[in-house]
Amino acid sequence: MAGPPADDADDEVLVAAMASGDRAALALLYERHASLLLGLALRIVGERREAEDLLHDVFLEAWRSAKDFDPKRGRVRTWLAIRMRSRALDLQKSARVSRNRGDGGLELVPDDAEGASPDHGKIRSALAELSSDQRRVLELAYFEGLTCTQIAERIAIPVGTVKSRIAAGLERLRSGLVEPGRTTGRSEKA
């Protein structure tokens, strides 16, 4: 079985070097992923200053927890993006941020953006394959951090329907994004 793609392997080396105190590795990892993470934060929080603060916080947290990174559990890019999403949603839920913003879409980076992730095209294609109903519930769950009950109330459908749409949408995304011969990084026990 082939190892991870070169970019993923390079990222893993950088995180291992960060765990040993290599600040240059942190700078390189930042250079590789900052634009994607900033785009994600901007999409969720809507304000550049807040998004830039979150970006700083995420990389500081990555620096501090680099020793805990396990490549068997997923890619570095995913590890960073999950941290960013979590911090951004925490900020959205805080008392100082209004929860009455419009429902954003899943398009994190414009089509013509320089430095777009190599996976950008795959993600856009996979998203285009989703039904509008599946895409809507995933947007509400992912970008607004709503629970299934909150989504059901917001769009006036049963909770079970929300859950089934989320499950079906995620499965379609997974199948559209997994490369042949590559696993999703999930363990059999999970």
Protein backbone atom coordinates (compact mmCIF):
# COMPACT_ATOMS: atom_id res chain seq x y z
CA MET A 1 0.00 0.00 0.00
CA ALA A 2 1.32 3.44 -0.90
CA GLY A 3 2.00 6.00 1.82
CA PRO A 4 0.29 9.35 2.12
CA PRO A 5 0.56 11.84 -0.77
CA ALA A 6 3.72 13.97 -0.72
CA ASP A 7 1.96 17.07 0.68
CA ASP A 8 0.43 15.03 3.52
CA ALA A 9 3.77 13.36 4.28
CA ASP A 10 5.51 16.76 4.27
CA ASP A 11 2.88 18.13 6.66
CA GLU A 12 3.41 15.18 9.00
CA VAL A 13 7.17 15.84 9.02
CA LEU A 14 6.53 19.50 9.81
CA VAL A 15 4.24 18.67 12.74
CA ALA A 16 6.80 16.18 14.10
CA ALA A 17 9.47 18.88 13.85
CA MET A 18 7.16 21.34 15.64
CA ALA A 19 6.75 18.79 18.44
CA SER A 20 10.54 18.97 18.83
CA GLY A 21 10.47 22.77 19.05
CA ASP A 22 11.29 23.65 15.43
CA ARG A 23 9.81 27.12 14.83
CA ALA A 24 10.78 27.06 11.15
CA ALA A 25 8.49 24.03 10.73
CA LEU A 26 5.63 26.04 12.23
CA ALA A 27 6.33 28.86 9.79
CA LEU A 28 6.27 26.45 6.84
CA LEU A 29 3.05 24.81 8.02
CA TYR A 30 1.51 28.26 8.41
CA GLU A 31 2.61 29.22 4.90
CA ARG A 32 1.01 26.05 3.49
CA HIS A 33 -2.37 26.26 5.23
CA ALA A 34 -3.02 29.81 6.46
CA SER A 35 -5.03 30.93 3.43
CA LEU A 36 -7.37 27.94 3.56
CA LEU A 37 -7.89 28.30 7.31
CA LEU A 38 -8.40 32.06 7.07
CA GLY A 39 -11.02 31.47 4.36
CA LEU A 40 -12.81 28.98 6.59
CA ALA A 41 -12.76 31.39 9.54
CA LEU A 42 -13.97 34.30 7.39
CA ARG A 43 -16.82 32.19 6.08
CA ILE A 44 -17.97 31.35 9.60
CA VAL A 45 -17.32 34.58 11.55
CA GLY A 46 -17.63 37.09 8.72
CA GLU A 47 -15.08 39.60 10.05
CA ARG A 48 -11.47 39.62 8.91
CA ARG A 49 -10.02 40.84 12.22
CA GLU A 50 -11.79 38.07 14.13
CA ALA A 51 -10.76 35.50 11.51
CA GLU A 52 -7.11 36.59 11.72
CA ASP A 53 -7.20 36.32 15.51
CA LEU A 54 -8.62 32.81 15.20
CA LEU A 55 -5.92 31.89 12.68
CA HIS A 56 -3.24 32.96 15.16
CA ASP A 57 -4.95 31.01 17.95
CA VAL A 58 -5.23 27.85 15.87
CA PHE A 59 -1.54 27.85 14.95
CA LEU A 60 -0.56 28.58 18.53
CA GLU A 61 -2.69 25.66 19.64
CA ALA A 62 -1.16 23.46 16.91
CA TRP A 63 2.31 24.43 18.15
CA ARG A 64 1.40 23.48 21.71
CA SER A 65 -0.27 20.20 20.82
CA ALA A 66 1.94 19.05 17.93
CA LYS A 67 3.22 16.16 20.03
CA ASP A 68 -0.35 14.82 20.26
CA PHE A 69 -0.92 14.71 16.49
CA ASP A 70 -1.50 11.15 15.23
CA PRO A 71 -1.31 10.74 11.42
CA LYS A 72 -3.31 7.51 11.70
CA ARG A 73 -6.31 9.58 12.74
CA GLY A 74 -6.27 11.93 9.76
CA ARG A 75 -4.43 14.51 7.72
CA VAL A 76 -2.70 17.58 9.14
CA ARG A 77 -4.90 19.83 6.99
CA THR A 78 -7.99 18.22 8.48
CA TRP A 79 -6.55 18.46 12.01
CA LEU A 80 -6.01 22.20 11.53
CA ALA A 81 -9.38 22.78 9.82
CA ILE A 82 -11.27 21.04 12.62
CA ARG A 83 -9.50 23.24 15.15
CA MET A 84 -10.37 26.34 13.14
CA ARG A 85 -13.99 25.34 12.71
CA SER A 86 -14.33 24.63 16.40
CA ARG A 87 -12.81 27.98 17.44
CA ALA A 88 -14.90 29.88 14.90
CA LEU A 89 -18.12 28.22 16.03
CA ASP A 90 -17.22 28.92 19.66
CA LEU A 91 -16.83 32.57 18.74
CA GLN A 92 -20.16 32.54 16.89
CA LYS A 93 -21.87 31.13 19.95
CA SER A 94 -20.33 33.67 22.30
CA ALA A 95 -22.51 36.46 23.65
CA ARG A 96 -20.70 39.16 21.65
CA VAL A 97 -21.60 37.72 18.24
CA SER A 98 -25.09 37.84 16.81
CA ARG A 99 -26.57 34.50 15.79
CA ASN A 100 -28.89 36.17 13.29
CA ARG A 101 -26.62 36.07 10.27
CA GLY A 102 -27.66 34.67 6.92
CA ASP A 103 -27.12 31.06 6.04
CA GLY A 104 -23.75 30.87 4.31
CA GLY A 105 -22.85 28.34 1.68
CA LEU A 106 -20.10 25.78 1.76
CA GLU A 107 -17.95 27.61 -0.78
CA LEU A 108 -14.86 28.49 1.24
CA VAL A 109 -12.61 29.74 -1.53
CA PRO A 110 -13.64 31.37 -4.81
CA ASP A 111 -13.01 29.38 -7.98
CA ASP A 112 -10.24 31.63 -9.18
CA ALA A 113 -8.42 31.98 -5.86
CA GLU A 114 -4.66 31.68 -5.97
CA GLY A 115 -3.25 29.07 -3.67
CA ALA A 116 -6.49 27.11 -3.47
CA SER A 117 -6.10 23.69 -1.92
CA PRO A 118 -5.38 20.82 -4.30
CA ASP A 119 -8.61 19.29 -3.00
CA HIS A 120 -10.66 22.39 -3.84
CA GLY A 121 -11.90 21.03 -7.16
CA LYS A 122 -12.79 17.67 -5.62
CA ILE A 123 -14.71 19.36 -2.82
CA ARG A 124 -16.65 21.60 -5.21
CA SER A 125 -17.53 18.59 -7.38
CA ALA A 126 -18.63 16.52 -4.39
CA LEU A 127 -20.76 19.39 -3.07
CA ALA A 128 -22.37 19.85 -6.47
CA GLU A 129 -23.50 16.22 -6.29
CA LEU A 130 -25.50 16.81 -3.11
CA SER A 131 -29.18 17.59 -3.24
CA SER A 132 -30.09 21.10 -2.11
CA ASP A 133 -31.81 19.57 0.95
CA GLN A 134 -28.64 17.70 1.97
CA ARG A 135 -26.44 20.72 1.32
CA ARG A 136 -28.74 22.98 3.39
CA VAL A 137 -28.68 20.81 6.53
CA LEU A 138 -24.91 20.35 6.27
CA GLU A 139 -24.43 24.12 5.96
CA LEU A 140 -26.55 24.76 9.04
CA ALA A 141 -24.74 22.09 11.04
CA TYR A 142 -21.23 22.92 9.87
CA PHE A 143 -21.20 26.71 9.60
CA GLU A 144 -23.74 27.69 12.21
CA GLY A 145 -23.09 24.82 14.59
CA LEU A 146 -26.78 24.04 14.92
CA THR A 147 -27.94 20.77 16.44
CA CYS A 148 -30.30 18.49 14.57
CA THR A 149 -33.17 19.78 16.70
CA GLN A 150 -32.28 23.40 15.94
CA ILE A 151 -32.02 22.65 12.21
CA ALA A 152 -35.40 20.91 12.28
CA GLU A 153 -36.96 23.96 13.94
CA ARG A 154 -35.25 26.39 11.57
CA ILE A 155 -36.41 24.71 8.36
CA ALA A 156 -39.59 23.11 9.74
CA ILE A 157 -38.89 19.43 9.11
CA PRO A 158 -38.75 16.43 11.48
CA VAL A 159 -35.51 15.77 13.40
CA GLY A 160 -35.29 12.30 11.85
CA THR A 161 -35.33 13.86 8.38
CA VAL A 162 -32.50 16.20 9.38
CA LYS A 163 -30.45 13.27 10.66
CA SER A 164 -31.03 11.19 7.54
CA ARG A 165 -30.15 14.10 5.24
CA ILE A 166 -26.94 14.78 7.17
CA ALA A 167 -25.97 11.11 7.10
CA ALA A 168 -26.72 10.78 3.39
CA GLY A 169 -24.94 14.03 2.55
CA LEU A 170 -21.82 13.09 4.51
CA GLU A 171 -21.73 9.67 2.91
CA ARG A 172 -21.98 11.20 -0.57
CA LEU A 173 -19.19 13.65 0.30
CA ARG A 174 -17.00 10.85 1.65
CA SER A 175 -17.51 8.70 -1.41
CA GLY A 176 -16.81 11.65 -3.68
CA LEU A 177 -13.61 12.64 -1.88
CA VAL A 178 -11.90 9.35 -1.05
CA GLU A 179 -9.20 8.51 -3.55
CA PRO A 180 -9.09 4.93 -4.83
CA GLY A 181 -6.84 2.83 -2.60
CA ARG A 182 -6.86 5.40 0.22
CA THR A 183 -8.73 4.89 3.46
CA THR A 184 -10.73 7.58 5.21
CA GLY A 185 -8.51 7.38 8.29
CA ARG A 186 -11.26 5.91 10.46
CA SER A 187 -10.43 2.97 12.63
CA GLU A 188 -12.47 -0.18 12.49
CA LYS A 189 -13.25 0.15 16.23
CA ALA A 190 -14.72 3.65 15.92
